[in-house]
Amino acid sequence: MPELGKILVILGVALALLGLLLWSGWGRGWLGHLPGDVRVDREGFSLRFPIVTCLLASLVISALLWLFRR
């Protein structure tokens, strides 16, 4: 169980740092606007589906979890 506590603390700190970066406006220009992200804007309708941004976030999170499990 001590390992689980350590992982939760590390993930919490990493999430807080990521939140601070995004809150400061660091990802505002490119986050959700990557090539491959679907955006449909029509009169009275707007759809945003950031598939590439989600895949990139998943890749980063998976790599971090892999590193911490080693």
N, C-alpha and C. Protein backbone atom coordinates (compact mmCIF):
# COMPACT_ATOMS: atom_id res chain seq x y z
N MET A 1 0.79 -1.20 0.00
CA MET A 1 0.00 0.00 0.00
C MET A 1 0.83 1.28 0.00
N PRO A 2 2.04 1.30 0.58
CA PRO A 2 2.83 2.53 0.52
C PRO A 2 3.15 2.94 -0.92
N GLU A 3 3.28 1.96 -1.82
CA GLU A 3 3.55 2.29 -3.21
C GLU A 3 2.38 3.02 -3.84
N LEU A 4 1.17 2.62 -3.51
CA LEU A 4 -0.02 3.27 -4.03
C LEU A 4 -0.09 4.72 -3.56
N GLY A 5 0.26 4.96 -2.31
CA GLY A 5 0.28 6.33 -1.80
C GLY A 5 1.30 7.19 -2.52
N LYS A 6 2.45 6.63 -2.78
CA LYS A 6 3.49 7.36 -3.50
C LYS A 6 3.05 7.70 -4.92
N ILE A 7 2.42 6.76 -5.59
CA ILE A 7 1.94 7.00 -6.95
C ILE A 7 0.86 8.07 -6.95
N LEU A 8 -0.04 8.02 -5.99
CA LEU A 8 -1.11 9.01 -5.93
C LEU A 8 -0.57 10.42 -5.67
N VAL A 9 0.43 10.53 -4.82
CA VAL A 9 1.04 11.83 -4.55
C VAL A 9 1.74 12.36 -5.80
N ILE A 10 2.48 11.52 -6.48
CA ILE A 10 3.19 11.94 -7.70
C ILE A 10 2.19 12.36 -8.77
N LEU A 11 1.12 11.57 -8.97
CA LEU A 11 0.11 11.93 -9.96
C LEU A 11 -0.61 13.22 -9.59
N GLY A 12 -0.85 13.42 -8.31
CA GLY A 12 -1.49 14.65 -7.86
C GLY A 12 -0.63 15.88 -8.12
N VAL A 13 0.64 15.78 -7.84
CA VAL A 13 1.56 16.89 -8.09
C VAL A 13 1.68 17.15 -9.59
N ALA A 14 1.78 16.10 -10.39
CA ALA A 14 1.87 16.26 -11.84
C ALA A 14 0.60 16.90 -12.40
N LEU A 15 -0.55 16.49 -11.90
CA LEU A 15 -1.81 17.06 -12.35
C LEU A 15 -1.92 18.53 -11.95
N ALA A 16 -1.47 18.87 -10.75
CA ALA A 16 -1.49 20.26 -10.31
C ALA A 16 -0.56 21.12 -11.17
N LEU A 17 0.62 20.61 -11.50
CA LEU A 17 1.54 21.35 -12.36
C LEU A 17 0.97 21.54 -13.77
N LEU A 18 0.35 20.50 -14.29
CA LEU A 18 -0.28 20.61 -15.60
C LEU A 18 -1.42 21.63 -15.57
N GLY A 19 -2.18 21.62 -14.52
CA GLY A 19 -3.26 22.59 -14.36
C GLY A 19 -2.74 24.02 -14.31
N LEU A 20 -1.64 24.22 -13.60
CA LEU A 20 -1.04 25.56 -13.54
C LEU A 20 -0.54 26.01 -14.91
N LEU A 21 0.07 25.10 -15.65
CA LEU A 21 0.54 25.45 -17.00
C LEU A 21 -0.62 25.83 -17.90
N LEU A 22 -1.68 25.04 -17.88
CA LEU A 22 -2.82 25.34 -18.74
C LEU A 22 -3.55 26.60 -18.28
N TRP A 23 -3.61 26.83 -17.00
CA TRP A 23 -4.27 28.02 -16.46
C TRP A 23 -3.50 29.28 -16.85
N SER A 24 -2.18 29.17 -16.96
CA SER A 24 -1.37 30.32 -17.33
C SER A 24 -1.48 30.66 -18.81
N GLY A 25 -2.10 29.77 -19.60
CA GLY A 25 -2.27 30.03 -21.02
C GLY A 25 -1.23 29.35 -21.89
N TRP A 26 -0.45 28.45 -21.32
CA TRP A 26 0.62 27.80 -22.05
C TRP A 26 0.10 27.02 -23.26
N GLY A 27 -0.99 26.29 -23.14
CA GLY A 27 -1.47 25.46 -24.23
C GLY A 27 -2.59 26.09 -25.04
N ARG A 28 -2.85 27.35 -24.83
CA ARG A 28 -4.00 27.99 -25.47
C ARG A 28 -3.89 28.06 -26.99
N GLY A 29 -2.70 28.22 -27.53
CA GLY A 29 -2.55 28.38 -28.96
C GLY A 29 -2.66 27.10 -29.76
N TRP A 30 -2.23 25.97 -29.20
CA TRP A 30 -2.19 24.74 -29.98
C TRP A 30 -3.06 23.63 -29.42
N LEU A 31 -3.41 23.68 -28.15
CA LEU A 31 -4.17 22.61 -27.53
C LEU A 31 -5.59 22.57 -28.09
N GLY A 32 -5.94 21.48 -28.75
CA GLY A 32 -7.24 21.35 -29.37
C GLY A 32 -7.27 21.84 -30.81
N HIS A 33 -6.15 22.32 -31.32
CA HIS A 33 -6.07 22.82 -32.69
C HIS A 33 -4.97 22.10 -33.48
N LEU A 34 -4.67 20.89 -33.11
CA LEU A 34 -3.65 20.12 -33.81
C LEU A 34 -4.21 19.60 -35.14
N PRO A 35 -3.34 19.31 -36.10
CA PRO A 35 -3.83 18.71 -37.34
C PRO A 35 -4.48 17.36 -37.03
N GLY A 36 -5.67 17.17 -37.51
CA GLY A 36 -6.41 15.95 -37.23
C GLY A 36 -7.53 16.14 -36.23
N ASP A 37 -7.52 17.24 -35.48
CA ASP A 37 -8.62 17.56 -34.58
C ASP A 37 -9.80 18.04 -35.42
N VAL A 38 -10.98 17.51 -35.15
CA VAL A 38 -12.16 17.82 -35.95
C VAL A 38 -12.86 19.04 -35.35
N ARG A 39 -13.09 20.03 -36.22
CA ARG A 39 -13.83 21.24 -35.83
C ARG A 39 -14.84 21.55 -36.93
N VAL A 40 -16.11 21.62 -36.55
CA VAL A 40 -17.17 21.97 -37.49
C VAL A 40 -17.88 23.19 -36.92
N ASP A 41 -17.84 24.30 -37.65
CA ASP A 41 -18.51 25.52 -37.23
C ASP A 41 -19.53 25.90 -38.30
N ARG A 42 -20.78 25.88 -37.91
CA ARG A 42 -21.86 26.32 -38.80
C ARG A 42 -22.73 27.29 -38.03
N GLU A 43 -23.57 27.97 -38.72
CA GLU A 43 -24.46 28.94 -38.07
C GLU A 43 -25.38 28.21 -37.09
N GLY A 44 -25.28 28.57 -35.84
CA GLY A 44 -26.10 27.96 -34.80
C GLY A 44 -25.60 26.60 -34.32
N PHE A 45 -24.47 26.15 -34.80
CA PHE A 45 -23.96 24.83 -34.44
C PHE A 45 -22.44 24.84 -34.43
N SER A 46 -21.87 24.24 -33.40
CA SER A 46 -20.43 24.13 -33.31
C SER A 46 -20.08 22.77 -32.72
N LEU A 47 -19.16 22.06 -33.36
CA LEU A 47 -18.73 20.74 -32.89
C LEU A 47 -17.21 20.71 -32.86
N ARG A 48 -16.66 20.32 -31.74
CA ARG A 48 -15.22 20.18 -31.61
C ARG A 48 -14.93 18.79 -31.05
N PHE A 49 -14.09 18.04 -31.76
CA PHE A 49 -13.71 16.70 -31.35
C PHE A 49 -12.19 16.59 -31.48
N PRO A 50 -11.46 16.88 -30.40
CA PRO A 50 -9.98 16.92 -30.46
C PRO A 50 -9.36 15.53 -30.36
N ILE A 51 -9.52 14.72 -31.39
CA ILE A 51 -9.05 13.34 -31.36
C ILE A 51 -7.53 13.25 -31.26
N VAL A 52 -6.80 14.06 -31.99
CA VAL A 52 -5.34 14.00 -31.96
C VAL A 52 -4.81 14.52 -30.62
N THR A 53 -5.44 15.56 -30.08
CA THR A 53 -5.04 16.07 -28.77
C THR A 53 -5.26 15.01 -27.70
N CYS A 54 -6.38 14.29 -27.77
CA CYS A 54 -6.65 13.22 -26.81
C CYS A 54 -5.64 12.08 -26.94
N LEU A 55 -5.30 11.72 -28.17
CA LEU A 55 -4.30 10.67 -28.39
C LEU A 55 -2.93 11.08 -27.86
N LEU A 56 -2.56 12.34 -28.07
CA LEU A 56 -1.29 12.83 -27.56
C LEU A 56 -1.27 12.84 -26.03
N ALA A 57 -2.35 13.28 -25.41
CA ALA A 57 -2.43 13.27 -23.95
C ALA A 57 -2.36 11.84 -23.41
N SER A 58 -3.03 10.92 -24.08
CA SER A 58 -2.99 9.52 -23.66
C SER A 58 -1.58 8.95 -23.77
N LEU A 59 -0.89 9.29 -24.83
CA LEU A 59 0.49 8.82 -25.02
C LEU A 59 1.40 9.35 -23.92
N VAL A 60 1.29 10.61 -23.58
CA VAL A 60 2.12 11.21 -22.53
C VAL A 60 1.82 10.58 -21.18
N ILE A 61 0.53 10.43 -20.86
CA ILE A 61 0.16 9.83 -19.57
C ILE A 61 0.63 8.39 -19.50
N SER A 62 0.49 7.63 -20.58
CA SER A 62 0.95 6.24 -20.59
C SER A 62 2.46 6.15 -20.41
N ALA A 63 3.19 7.05 -21.04
CA ALA A 63 4.65 7.05 -20.89
C ALA A 63 5.04 7.38 -19.45
N LEU A 64 4.37 8.35 -18.85
CA LEU A 64 4.68 8.70 -17.46
C LEU A 64 4.37 7.54 -16.52
N LEU A 65 3.24 6.90 -16.70
CA LEU A 65 2.90 5.76 -15.85
C LEU A 65 3.88 4.61 -16.05
N TRP A 66 4.31 4.39 -17.28
CA TRP A 66 5.30 3.34 -17.55
C TRP A 66 6.61 3.64 -16.84
N LEU A 67 7.03 4.91 -16.86
CA LEU A 67 8.28 5.30 -16.20
C LEU A 67 8.19 5.11 -14.69
N PHE A 68 7.07 5.47 -14.10
CA PHE A 68 6.94 5.37 -12.65
C PHE A 68 6.76 3.94 -12.16
N ARG A 69 6.32 3.04 -13.03
CA ARG A 69 6.18 1.65 -12.63
C ARG A 69 7.49 0.89 -12.69
N ARG A 70 8.46 1.43 -13.38
CA ARG A 70 9.76 0.76 -13.50
C ARG A 70 10.51 0.96 -12.26
